[in-house]
Amino acid sequence: VISESMFEKNEMRLEEHRIERDLKREKLRKGCDALYSTLDLDLDGEATRSDVEAILPKVEDMMKDAAVDFSQPDLEEMIRFMDINHDGSISKAEFTHAVLFQAEGVRP
């Protein structure tokens, strides 16, 4: 009986953590959408690395607001690896993907 109760409490805690993580991801995804929409985009709808670097302070604020643990070198490294397909520009998907990975503690 005690172990069943402990198991149920653990399951509830895990579910609470999953919900919190999902809410954080959604908040960050919406923040990424909003930030990316402020960038000057090329004809393919992509931004230059320098344009993305220019909004890095806003990305930092967004991540702090979402209680994401990171360091300044983490953000600089994140920018370096955003251009997944190495075409010289950063798509909205690449930008969002990198920010969400950083938020989950995945390092390049």
PDB file of N, CA and C in Angstrom:
ATOM      1  N   VAL A   1       0.830  -1.190   0.000  1.00  0.00           N
ATOM      2  CA  VAL A   1       0.000   0.000   0.000  1.00  0.00           C
ATOM      3  C   VAL A   1       0.877   1.257   0.000  1.00  0.00           C
ATOM      4  N   ILE A   2       1.915   1.267   0.827  1.00  0.00           N
ATOM      5  CA  ILE A   2       2.804   2.428   0.884  1.00  0.00           C
ATOM      6  C   ILE A   2       3.520   2.607  -0.443  1.00  0.00           C
ATOM      7  N   SER A   3       4.011   1.517  -1.022  1.00  0.00           N
ATOM      8  CA  SER A   3       4.734   1.644  -2.281  1.00  0.00           C
ATOM      9  C   SER A   3       3.813   2.093  -3.411  1.00  0.00           C
ATOM     10  N   GLU A   4       2.537   1.684  -3.388  1.00  0.00           N
ATOM     11  CA  GLU A   4       1.580   2.160  -4.382  1.00  0.00           C
ATOM     12  C   GLU A   4       1.387   3.660  -4.256  1.00  0.00           C
ATOM     13  N   SER A   5       1.279   4.141  -3.037  1.00  0.00           N
ATOM     14  CA  SER A   5       1.107   5.568  -2.789  1.00  0.00           C
ATOM     15  C   SER A   5       2.329   6.351  -3.263  1.00  0.00           C
ATOM     16  N   MET A   6       3.507   5.826  -2.974  1.00  0.00           N
ATOM     17  CA  MET A   6       4.740   6.481  -3.419  1.00  0.00           C
ATOM     18  C   MET A   6       4.807   6.498  -4.935  1.00  0.00           C
ATOM     19  N   PHE A   7       4.430   5.396  -5.569  1.00  0.00           N
ATOM     20  CA  PHE A   7       4.428   5.306  -7.027  1.00  0.00           C
ATOM     21  C   PHE A   7       3.471   6.334  -7.626  1.00  0.00           C
ATOM     22  N   GLU A   8       2.274   6.446  -7.054  1.00  0.00           N
ATOM     23  CA  GLU A   8       1.283   7.402  -7.542  1.00  0.00           C
ATOM     24  C   GLU A   8       1.774   8.832  -7.382  1.00  0.00           C
ATOM     25  N   LYS A   9       2.394   9.148  -6.249  1.00  0.00           N
ATOM     26  CA  LYS A   9       2.932  10.494  -6.037  1.00  0.00           C
ATOM     27  C   LYS A   9       4.035  10.792  -7.045  1.00  0.00           C
ATOM     28  N   ASN A  10       4.882   9.813  -7.285  1.00  0.00           N
ATOM     29  CA  ASN A  10       5.960   9.989  -8.252  1.00  0.00           C
ATOM     30  C   ASN A  10       5.384  10.203  -9.656  1.00  0.00           C
ATOM     31  N   GLU A  11       4.377   9.446 -10.011  1.00  0.00           N
ATOM     32  CA  GLU A  11       3.722   9.605 -11.309  1.00  0.00           C
ATOM     33  C   GLU A  11       3.115  10.998 -11.440  1.00  0.00           C
ATOM     34  N   MET A  12       2.490  11.476 -10.372  1.00  0.00           N
ATOM     35  CA  MET A  12       1.898  12.814 -10.392  1.00  0.00           C
ATOM     36  C   MET A  12       2.980  13.871 -10.555  1.00  0.00           C
ATOM     37  N   ARG A  13       4.097  13.716  -9.845  1.00  0.00           N
ATOM     38  CA  ARG A  13       5.210  14.660  -9.965  1.00  0.00           C
ATOM     39  C   ARG A  13       5.767  14.666 -11.386  1.00  0.00           C
ATOM     40  N   LEU A  14       5.930  13.495 -11.956  1.00  0.00           N
ATOM     41  CA  LEU A  14       6.429  13.394 -13.332  1.00  0.00           C
ATOM     42  C   LEU A  14       5.480  14.086 -14.312  1.00  0.00           C
ATOM     43  N   GLU A  15       4.204  13.904 -14.117  1.00  0.00           N
ATOM     44  CA  GLU A  15       3.211  14.539 -14.978  1.00  0.00           C
ATOM     45  C   GLU A  15       3.249  16.062 -14.814  1.00  0.00           C
ATOM     46  N   GLU A  16       3.402  16.542 -13.584  1.00  0.00           N
ATOM     47  CA  GLU A  16       3.517  17.985 -13.351  1.00  0.00           C
ATOM     48  C   GLU A  16       4.744  18.552 -14.057  1.00  0.00           C
ATOM     49  N   HIS A  17       5.875  17.846 -13.991  1.00  0.00           N
ATOM     50  CA  HIS A  17       7.097  18.294 -14.662  1.00  0.00           C
ATOM     51  C   HIS A  17       6.917  18.310 -16.171  1.00  0.00           C
ATOM     52  N   ARG A  18       6.228  17.310 -16.702  1.00  0.00           N
ATOM     53  CA  ARG A  18       5.989  17.248 -18.144  1.00  0.00           C
ATOM     54  C   ARG A  18       5.130  18.435 -18.583  1.00  0.00           C
ATOM     55  N   ILE A  19       4.096  18.725 -17.816  1.00  0.00           N
ATOM     56  CA  ILE A  19       3.216  19.849 -18.145  1.00  0.00           C
ATOM     57  C   ILE A  19       3.987  21.167 -18.082  1.00  0.00           C
ATOM     58  N   GLU A  20       4.804  21.352 -17.039  1.00  0.00           N
ATOM     59  CA  GLU A  20       5.623  22.565 -16.916  1.00  0.00           C
ATOM     60  C   GLU A  20       6.566  22.701 -18.100  1.00  0.00           C
ATOM     61  N   ARG A  21       7.222  21.601 -18.477  1.00  0.00           N
ATOM     62  CA  ARG A  21       8.151  21.610 -19.610  1.00  0.00           C
ATOM     63  C   ARG A  21       7.422  21.960 -20.912  1.00  0.00           C
ATOM     64  N   ASP A  22       6.240  21.387 -21.109  1.00  0.00           N
ATOM     65  CA  ASP A  22       5.463  21.677 -22.315  1.00  0.00           C
ATOM     66  C   ASP A  22       5.027  23.139 -22.363  1.00  0.00           C
ATOM     67  N   LEU A  23       4.619  23.680 -21.213  1.00  0.00           N
ATOM     68  CA  LEU A  23       4.221  25.092 -21.157  1.00  0.00           C
ATOM     69  C   LEU A  23       5.406  26.011 -21.448  1.00  0.00           C
ATOM     70  N   LYS A  24       6.577  25.658 -20.895  1.00  0.00           N
ATOM     71  CA  LYS A  24       7.787  26.443 -21.147  1.00  0.00           C
ATOM     72  C   LYS A  24       8.148  26.403 -22.627  1.00  0.00           C
ATOM     73  N   ARG A  25       8.094  25.224 -23.232  1.00  0.00           N
ATOM     74  CA  ARG A  25       8.395  25.084 -24.658  1.00  0.00           C
ATOM     75  C   ARG A  25       7.454  25.935 -25.507  1.00  0.00           C
ATOM     76  N   GLU A  26       6.171  25.893 -25.175  1.00  0.00           N
ATOM     77  CA  GLU A  26       5.197  26.659 -25.954  1.00  0.00           C
ATOM     78  C   GLU A  26       5.433  28.160 -25.791  1.00  0.00           C
ATOM     79  N   LYS A  27       5.728  28.593 -24.585  1.00  0.00           N
ATOM     80  CA  LYS A  27       6.026  30.013 -24.338  1.00  0.00           C
ATOM     81  C   LYS A  27       7.256  30.440 -25.142  1.00  0.00           C
ATOM     82  N   LEU A  28       8.298  29.618 -25.124  1.00  0.00           N
ATOM     83  CA  LEU A  28       9.515  29.938 -25.872  1.00  0.00           C
ATOM     84  C   LEU A  28       9.263  29.902 -27.382  1.00  0.00           C
ATOM     85  N   ARG A  29       8.469  28.942 -27.836  1.00  0.00           N
ATOM     86  CA  ARG A  29       8.173  28.864 -29.268  1.00  0.00           C
ATOM     87  C   ARG A  29       7.452  30.128 -29.730  1.00  0.00           C
ATOM     88  N   LYS A  30       6.480  30.574 -28.943  1.00  0.00           N
ATOM     89  CA  LYS A  30       5.770  31.807 -29.289  1.00  0.00           C
ATOM     90  C   LYS A  30       6.703  33.015 -29.238  1.00  0.00           C
ATOM     91  N   GLY A  31       7.598  33.034 -28.248  1.00  0.00           N
ATOM     92  CA  GLY A  31       8.579  34.111 -28.160  1.00  0.00           C
ATOM     93  C   GLY A  31       9.510  34.110 -29.357  1.00  0.00           C
ATOM     94  N   CYS A  32       9.929  32.931 -29.789  1.00  0.00           N
ATOM     95  CA  CYS A  32      10.781  32.820 -30.983  1.00  0.00           C
ATOM     96  C   CYS A  32      10.051  33.347 -32.215  1.00  0.00           C
ATOM     97  N   ASP A  33       8.788  32.979 -32.357  1.00  0.00           N
ATOM     98  CA  ASP A  33       7.989  33.471 -33.486  1.00  0.00           C
ATOM     99  C   ASP A  33       7.951  34.994 -33.490  1.00  0.00           C
ATOM    100  N   ALA A  34       7.697  35.564 -32.315  1.00  0.00           N
ATOM    101  CA  ALA A  34       7.606  37.023 -32.207  1.00  0.00           C
ATOM    102  C   ALA A  34       8.944  37.693 -32.511  1.00  0.00           C
ATOM    103  N   LEU A  35      10.029  37.157 -31.949  1.00  0.00           N
ATOM    104  CA  LEU A  35      11.346  37.743 -32.200  1.00  0.00           C
ATOM    105  C   LEU A  35      11.755  37.603 -33.659  1.00  0.00           C
ATOM    106  N   TYR A  36      11.540  36.437 -34.232  1.00  0.00           N
ATOM    107  CA  TYR A  36      11.948  36.216 -35.620  1.00  0.00           C
ATOM    108  C   TYR A  36      11.175  37.132 -36.568  1.00  0.00           C
ATOM    109  N   SER A  37       9.930  37.429 -36.224  1.00  0.00           N
ATOM    110  CA  SER A  37       9.115  38.290 -37.088  1.00  0.00           C
ATOM    111  C   SER A  37       9.626  39.731 -37.122  1.00  0.00           C
ATOM    112  N   THR A  38      10.509  40.095 -36.182  1.00  0.00           N
ATOM    113  CA  THR A  38      11.058  41.452 -36.167  1.00  0.00           C
ATOM    114  C   THR A  38      12.277  41.596 -37.081  1.00  0.00           C
ATOM    115  N   LEU A  39      12.781  40.480 -37.599  1.00  0.00           N
ATOM    116  CA  LEU A  39      13.999  40.495 -38.404  1.00  0.00           C
ATOM    117  C   LEU A  39      13.713  40.854 -39.857  1.00  0.00           C
ATOM    118  N   ASP A  40      14.707  41.472 -40.505  1.00  0.00           N
ATOM    119  CA  ASP A  40      14.646  41.685 -41.944  1.00  0.00           C
ATOM    120  C   ASP A  40      14.977  40.361 -42.605  1.00  0.00           C
ATOM    121  N   LEU A  41      14.075  39.885 -43.438  1.00  0.00           N
ATOM    122  CA  LEU A  41      14.253  38.579 -44.061  1.00  0.00           C
ATOM    123  C   LEU A  41      14.561  38.722 -45.544  1.00  0.00           C
ATOM    124  N   ASP A  42      15.292  37.734 -46.066  1.00  0.00           N
ATOM    125  CA  ASP A  42      15.580  37.726 -47.492  1.00  0.00           C
ATOM    126  C   ASP A  42      14.362  37.192 -48.257  1.00  0.00           C
ATOM    127  N   LEU A  43      14.499  37.021 -49.566  1.00  0.00           N
ATOM    128  CA  LEU A  43      13.377  36.567 -50.383  1.00  0.00           C
ATOM    129  C   LEU A  43      12.898  35.166 -50.019  1.00  0.00           C
ATOM    130  N   ASP A  44      13.780  34.375 -49.402  1.00  0.00           N
ATOM    131  CA  ASP A  44      13.404  33.029 -48.967  1.00  0.00           C
ATOM    132  C   ASP A  44      12.802  33.023 -47.562  1.00  0.00           C
ATOM    133  N   GLY A  45      12.656  34.205 -46.960  1.00  0.00           N
ATOM    134  CA  GLY A  45      12.082  34.296 -45.622  1.00  0.00           C
ATOM    135  C   GLY A  45      13.064  33.942 -44.516  1.00  0.00           C
ATOM    136  N   GLU A  46      14.365  34.108 -44.802  1.00  0.00           N
ATOM    137  CA  GLU A  46      15.391  33.767 -43.817  1.00  0.00           C
ATOM    138  C   GLU A  46      16.184  35.006 -43.420  1.00  0.00           C
ATOM    139  N   ALA A  47      16.820  34.927 -42.256  1.00  0.00           N
ATOM    140  CA  ALA A  47      17.587  36.045 -41.702  1.00  0.00           C
ATOM    141  C   ALA A  47      19.076  35.752 -41.784  1.00  0.00           C
ATOM    142  N   THR A  48      19.862  36.821 -41.759  1.00  0.00           N
ATOM    143  CA  THR A  48      21.315  36.652 -41.723  1.00  0.00           C
ATOM    144  C   THR A  48      21.750  36.380 -40.288  1.00  0.00           C
ATOM    145  N   ARG A  49      22.914  35.797 -40.166  1.00  0.00           N
ATOM    146  CA  ARG A  49      23.462  35.530 -38.833  1.00  0.00           C
ATOM    147  C   ARG A  49      23.630  36.841 -38.059  1.00  0.00           C
ATOM    148  N   SER A  50      24.100  37.882 -38.728  1.00  0.00           N
ATOM    149  CA  SER A  50      24.314  39.154 -38.032  1.00  0.00           C
ATOM    150  C   SER A  50      22.993  39.748 -37.531  1.00  0.00           C
ATOM    151  N   ASP A  51      21.909  39.561 -38.293  1.00  0.00           N
ATOM    152  CA  ASP A  51      20.603  40.036 -37.823  1.00  0.00           C
ATOM    153  C   ASP A  51      20.156  39.270 -36.582  1.00  0.00           C
ATOM    154  N   VAL A  52      20.400  37.957 -36.580  1.00  0.00           N
ATOM    155  CA  VAL A  52      20.029  37.145 -35.417  1.00  0.00           C
ATOM    156  C   VAL A  52      20.904  37.528 -34.217  1.00  0.00           C
ATOM    157  N   GLU A  53      22.186  37.773 -34.456  1.00  0.00           N
ATOM    158  CA  GLU A  53      23.074  38.190 -33.369  1.00  0.00           C
ATOM    159  C   GLU A  53      22.607  39.511 -32.765  1.00  0.00           C
ATOM    160  N   ALA A  54      22.018  40.374 -33.593  1.00  0.00           N
ATOM    161  CA  ALA A  54      21.552  41.677 -33.113  1.00  0.00           C
ATOM    162  C   ALA A  54      20.395  41.551 -32.117  1.00  0.00           C
ATOM    163  N   ILE A  55      19.616  40.469 -32.217  1.00  0.00           N
ATOM    164  CA  ILE A  55      18.495  40.304 -31.280  1.00  0.00           C
ATOM    165  C   ILE A  55      18.857  39.381 -30.112  1.00  0.00           C
ATOM    166  N   LEU A  56      20.129  39.026 -30.017  1.00  0.00           N
ATOM    167  CA  LEU A  56      20.575  38.142 -28.938  1.00  0.00           C
ATOM    168  C   LEU A  56      20.188  38.657 -27.544  1.00  0.00           C
ATOM    169  N   PRO A  57      20.288  39.963 -27.262  1.00  0.00           N
ATOM    170  CA  PRO A  57      19.845  40.436 -25.934  1.00  0.00           C
ATOM    171  C   PRO A  57      18.364  40.150 -25.675  1.00  0.00           C
ATOM    172  N   LYS A  58      17.531  40.206 -26.712  1.00  0.00           N
ATOM    173  CA  LYS A  58      16.113  39.899 -26.550  1.00  0.00           C
ATOM    174  C   LYS A  58      15.906  38.405 -26.335  1.00  0.00           C
ATOM    175  N   VAL A  59      16.711  37.589 -27.017  1.00  0.00           N
ATOM    176  CA  VAL A  59      16.651  36.136 -26.807  1.00  0.00           C
ATOM    177  C   VAL A  59      17.047  35.826 -25.364  1.00  0.00           C
ATOM    178  N   GLU A  60      18.089  36.494 -24.904  1.00  0.00           N
ATOM    179  CA  GLU A  60      18.550  36.308 -23.528  1.00  0.00           C
ATOM    180  C   GLU A  60      17.455  36.671 -22.527  1.00  0.00           C
ATOM    181  N   ASP A  61      16.782  37.804 -22.747  1.00  0.00           N
ATOM    182  CA  ASP A  61      15.688  38.228 -21.859  1.00  0.00           C
ATOM    183  C   ASP A  61      14.553  37.204 -21.867  1.00  0.00           C
ATOM    184  N   MET A  62      14.226  36.707 -23.060  1.00  0.00           N
ATOM    185  CA  MET A  62      13.150  35.728 -23.178  1.00  0.00           C
ATOM    186  C   MET A  62      13.496  34.449 -22.412  1.00  0.00           C
ATOM    187  N   MET A  63      14.729  34.028 -22.518  1.00  0.00           N
ATOM    188  CA  MET A  63      15.151  32.803 -21.842  1.00  0.00           C
ATOM    189  C   MET A  63      15.203  32.999 -20.327  1.00  0.00           C
ATOM    190  N   LYS A  64      15.644  34.168 -19.883  1.00  0.00           N
ATOM    191  CA  LYS A  64      15.634  34.457 -18.444  1.00  0.00           C
ATOM    192  C   LYS A  64      14.210  34.465 -17.915  1.00  0.00           C
ATOM    193  N   ASP A  65      13.306  35.064 -18.681  1.00  0.00           N
ATOM    194  CA  ASP A  65      11.899  35.136 -18.281  1.00  0.00           C
ATOM    195  C   ASP A  65      11.281  33.737 -18.152  1.00  0.00           C
ATOM    196  N   ALA A  66      11.793  32.799 -18.965  1.00  0.00           N
ATOM    197  CA  ALA A  66      11.293  31.418 -18.921  1.00  0.00           C
ATOM    198  C   ALA A  66      12.091  30.552 -17.949  1.00  0.00           C
ATOM    199  N   ALA A  67      12.977  31.178 -17.175  1.00  0.00           N
ATOM    200  CA  ALA A  67      13.795  30.472 -16.179  1.00  0.00           C
ATOM    201  C   ALA A  67      14.672  29.388 -16.802  1.00  0.00           C
ATOM    202  N   VAL A  68      15.245  29.712 -17.953  1.00  0.00           N
ATOM    203  CA  VAL A  68      16.166  28.790 -18.625  1.00  0.00           C
ATOM    204  C   VAL A  68      17.568  29.039 -18.080  1.00  0.00           C
ATOM    205  N   ASP A  69      18.249  27.960 -17.735  1.00  0.00           N
ATOM    206  CA  ASP A  69      19.615  28.038 -17.229  1.00  0.00           C
ATOM    207  C   ASP A  69      20.577  28.064 -18.418  1.00  0.00           C
ATOM    208  N   PHE A  70      21.359  29.141 -18.547  1.00  0.00           N
ATOM    209  CA  PHE A  70      22.310  29.271 -19.653  1.00  0.00           C
ATOM    210  C   PHE A  70      23.381  30.274 -19.272  1.00  0.00           C
ATOM    211  N   SER A  71      24.449  30.296 -20.057  1.00  0.00           N
ATOM    212  CA  SER A  71      25.505  31.290 -19.875  1.00  0.00           C
ATOM    213  C   SER A  71      25.665  32.056 -21.185  1.00  0.00           C
ATOM    214  N   GLN A  72      26.357  33.171 -21.131  1.00  0.00           N
ATOM    215  CA  GLN A  72      26.599  33.958 -22.344  1.00  0.00           C
ATOM    216  C   GLN A  72      27.335  33.126 -23.401  1.00  0.00           C
ATOM    217  N   PRO A  73      28.367  32.372 -23.028  1.00  0.00           N
ATOM    218  CA  PRO A  73      29.015  31.518 -24.044  1.00  0.00           C
ATOM    219  C   PRO A  73      28.058  30.492 -24.655  1.00  0.00           C
ATOM    220  N   ASP A  74      27.079  30.015 -23.869  1.00  0.00           N
ATOM    221  CA  ASP A  74      26.072  29.096 -24.417  1.00  0.00           C
ATOM    222  C   ASP A  74      25.294  29.763 -25.550  1.00  0.00           C
ATOM    223  N   LEU A  75      24.912  31.024 -25.352  1.00  0.00           N
ATOM    224  CA  LEU A  75      24.152  31.740 -26.374  1.00  0.00           C
ATOM    225  C   LEU A  75      24.991  31.979 -27.625  1.00  0.00           C
ATOM    226  N   GLU A  76      26.242  32.332 -27.421  1.00  0.00           N
ATOM    227  CA  GLU A  76      27.120  32.559 -28.565  1.00  0.00           C
ATOM    228  C   GLU A  76      27.330  31.267 -29.351  1.00  0.00           C
ATOM    229  N   GLU A  77      27.463  30.171 -28.655  1.00  0.00           N
ATOM    230  CA  GLU A  77      27.619  28.865 -29.298  1.00  0.00           C
ATOM    231  C   GLU A  77      26.321  28.476 -30.015  1.00  0.00           C
ATOM    232  N   MET A  78      25.201  28.801 -29.416  1.00  0.00           N
ATOM    233  CA  MET A  78      23.905  28.510 -30.017  1.00  0.00           C
ATOM    234  C   MET A  78      23.776  29.216 -31.360  1.00  0.00           C
ATOM    235  N   ILE A  79      24.174  30.484 -31.413  1.00  0.00           N
ATOM    236  CA  ILE A  79      24.119  31.246 -32.661  1.00  0.00           C
ATOM    237  C   ILE A  79      25.007  30.593 -33.717  1.00  0.00           C
ATOM    238  N   ARG A  80      26.166  30.145 -33.280  1.00  0.00           N
ATOM    239  CA  ARG A  80      27.121  29.546 -34.215  1.00  0.00           C
ATOM    240  C   ARG A  80      26.551  28.295 -34.874  1.00  0.00           C
ATOM    241  N   PHE A  81      25.741  27.555 -34.143  1.00  0.00           N
ATOM    242  CA  PHE A  81      25.209  26.303 -34.666  1.00  0.00           C
ATOM    243  C   PHE A  81      23.778  26.408 -35.194  1.00  0.00           C
ATOM    244  N   MET A  82      23.214  27.611 -35.228  1.00  0.00           N
ATOM    245  CA  MET A  82      21.843  27.765 -35.711  1.00  0.00           C
ATOM    246  C   MET A  82      21.684  27.407 -37.183  1.00  0.00           C
ATOM    247  N   ASP A  83      22.653  27.743 -37.978  1.00  0.00           N
ATOM    248  CA  ASP A  83      22.561  27.496 -39.417  1.00  0.00           C
ATOM    249  C   ASP A  83      22.808  26.010 -39.686  1.00  0.00           C
ATOM    250  N   ILE A  84      21.784  25.225 -39.448  1.00  0.00           N
ATOM    251  CA  ILE A  84      21.890  23.767 -39.511  1.00  0.00           C
ATOM    252  C   ILE A  84      22.317  23.282 -40.889  1.00  0.00           C
ATOM    253  N   ASN A  85      21.749  23.863 -41.937  1.00  0.00           N
ATOM    254  CA  ASN A  85      22.072  23.388 -43.279  1.00  0.00           C
ATOM    255  C   ASN A  85      23.243  24.151 -43.917  1.00  0.00           C
ATOM    256  N   HIS A  86      23.872  25.019 -43.167  1.00  0.00           N
ATOM    257  CA  HIS A  86      25.087  25.740 -43.588  1.00  0.00           C
ATOM    258  C   HIS A  86      24.905  26.500 -44.905  1.00  0.00           C
ATOM    259  N   ASP A  87      23.736  27.140 -45.058  1.00  0.00           N
ATOM    260  CA  ASP A  87      23.512  27.914 -46.278  1.00  0.00           C
ATOM    261  C   ASP A  87      23.774  29.410 -46.080  1.00  0.00           C
ATOM    262  N   GLY A  88      24.260  29.777 -44.889  1.00  0.00           N
ATOM    263  CA  GLY A  88      24.617  31.171 -44.637  1.00  0.00           C
ATOM    264  C   GLY A  88      23.485  32.014 -44.086  1.00  0.00           C
ATOM    265  N   SER A  89      22.294  31.442 -43.988  1.00  0.00           N
ATOM    266  CA  SER A  89      21.175  32.177 -43.408  1.00  0.00           C
ATOM    267  C   SER A  89      20.485  31.285 -42.385  1.00  0.00           C
ATOM    268  N   ILE A  90      19.645  31.918 -41.583  1.00  0.00           N
ATOM    269  CA  ILE A  90      18.979  31.195 -40.491  1.00  0.00           C
ATOM    270  C   ILE A  90      17.476  31.277 -40.698  1.00  0.00           C
ATOM    271  N   SER A  91      16.867  30.122 -40.868  1.00  0.00           N
ATOM    272  CA  SER A  91      15.421  30.070 -41.036  1.00  0.00           C
ATOM    273  C   SER A  91      14.733  30.179 -39.678  1.00  0.00           C
ATOM    274  N   LYS A  92      13.450  30.432 -39.718  1.00  0.00           N
ATOM    275  CA  LYS A  92      12.661  30.494 -38.485  1.00  0.00           C
ATOM    276  C   LYS A  92      12.723  29.150 -37.755  1.00  0.00           C
ATOM    277  N   ALA A  93      12.669  28.063 -38.514  1.00  0.00           N
ATOM    278  CA  ALA A  93      12.736  26.729 -37.900  1.00  0.00           C
ATOM    279  C   ALA A  93      14.086  26.494 -37.238  1.00  0.00           C
ATOM    280  N   GLU A  94      15.173  26.894 -37.888  1.00  0.00           N
ATOM    281  CA  GLU A  94      16.511  26.733 -37.309  1.00  0.00           C
ATOM    282  C   GLU A  94      16.653  27.565 -36.039  1.00  0.00           C
ATOM    283  N   PHE A  95      16.148  28.783 -36.073  1.00  0.00           N
ATOM    284  CA  PHE A  95      16.202  29.688 -34.925  1.00  0.00           C
ATOM    285  C   PHE A  95      15.445  29.080 -33.741  1.00  0.00           C
ATOM    286  N   THR A  96      14.211  28.678 -33.989  1.00  0.00           N
ATOM    287  CA  THR A  96      13.366  28.115 -32.930  1.00  0.00           C
ATOM    288  C   THR A  96      13.956  26.825 -32.387  1.00  0.00           C
ATOM    289  N   HIS A  97      14.406  25.968 -33.270  1.00  0.00           N
ATOM    290  CA  HIS A  97      15.003  24.691 -32.881  1.00  0.00           C
ATOM    291  C   HIS A  97      16.192  24.915 -31.932  1.00  0.00           C
ATOM    292  N   ALA A  98      17.069  25.845 -32.277  1.00  0.00           N
ATOM    293  CA  ALA A  98      18.256  26.115 -31.459  1.00  0.00           C
ATOM    294  C   ALA A  98      17.879  26.662 -30.079  1.00  0.00           C
ATOM    295  N   VAL A  99      16.934  27.571 -30.034  1.00  0.00           N
ATOM    296  CA  VAL A  99      16.516  28.145 -28.750  1.00  0.00           C
ATOM    297  C   VAL A  99      15.880  27.074 -27.865  1.00  0.00           C
ATOM    298  N   LEU A 100      15.015  26.242 -28.441  1.00  0.00           N
ATOM    299  CA  LEU A 100      14.365  25.194 -27.651  1.00  0.00           C
ATOM    300  C   LEU A 100      15.372  24.160 -27.161  1.00  0.00           C
ATOM    301  N   PHE A 101      16.345  23.812 -27.994  1.00  0.00           N
ATOM    302  CA  PHE A 101      17.386  22.884 -27.552  1.00  0.00           C
ATOM    303  C   PHE A 101      18.185  23.477 -26.397  1.00  0.00           C
ATOM    304  N   GLN A 102      18.508  24.758 -26.505  1.00  0.00           N
ATOM    305  CA  GLN A 102      19.241  25.426 -25.434  1.00  0.00           C
ATOM    306  C   GLN A 102      18.421  25.404 -24.151  1.00  0.00           C
ATOM    307  N   ALA A 103      17.131  25.646 -24.278  1.00  0.00           N
ATOM    308  CA  ALA A 103      16.260  25.663 -23.108  1.00  0.00           C
ATOM    309  C   ALA A 103      16.170  24.305 -22.431  1.00  0.00           C
ATOM    310  N   GLU A 104      16.333  23.246 -23.208  1.00  0.00           N
ATOM    311  CA  GLU A 104      16.274  21.896 -22.656  1.00  0.00           C
ATOM    312  C   GLU A 104      17.628  21.411 -22.172  1.00  0.00           C
ATOM    313  N   GLY A 105      18.630  22.269 -22.289  1.00  0.00           N
ATOM    314  CA  GLY A 105      19.949  21.905 -21.809  1.00  0.00           C
ATOM    315  C   GLY A 105      20.762  21.095 -22.788  1.00  0.00           C
ATOM    316  N   VAL A 106      20.306  21.009 -24.044  1.00  0.00           N
ATOM    317  CA  VAL A 106      21.059  20.286 -25.063  1.00  0.00           C
ATOM    318  C   VAL A 106      22.093  21.239 -25.635  1.00  0.00           C
ATOM    319  N   ARG A 107      23.325  20.840 -25.570  1.00  0.00           N
ATOM    320  CA  ARG A 107      24.415  21.690 -26.060  1.00  0.00           C
ATOM    321  C   ARG A 107      24.947  21.145 -27.378  1.00  0.00           C
ATOM    322  N   PRO A 108      25.305  22.055 -28.317  1.00  0.00           N
ATOM    323  CA  PRO A 108      25.868  21.593 -29.587  1.00  0.00           C
ATOM    324  C   PRO A 108      27.189  20.880 -29.411  1.00  0.00           C
TER     325      PRO A 108
END
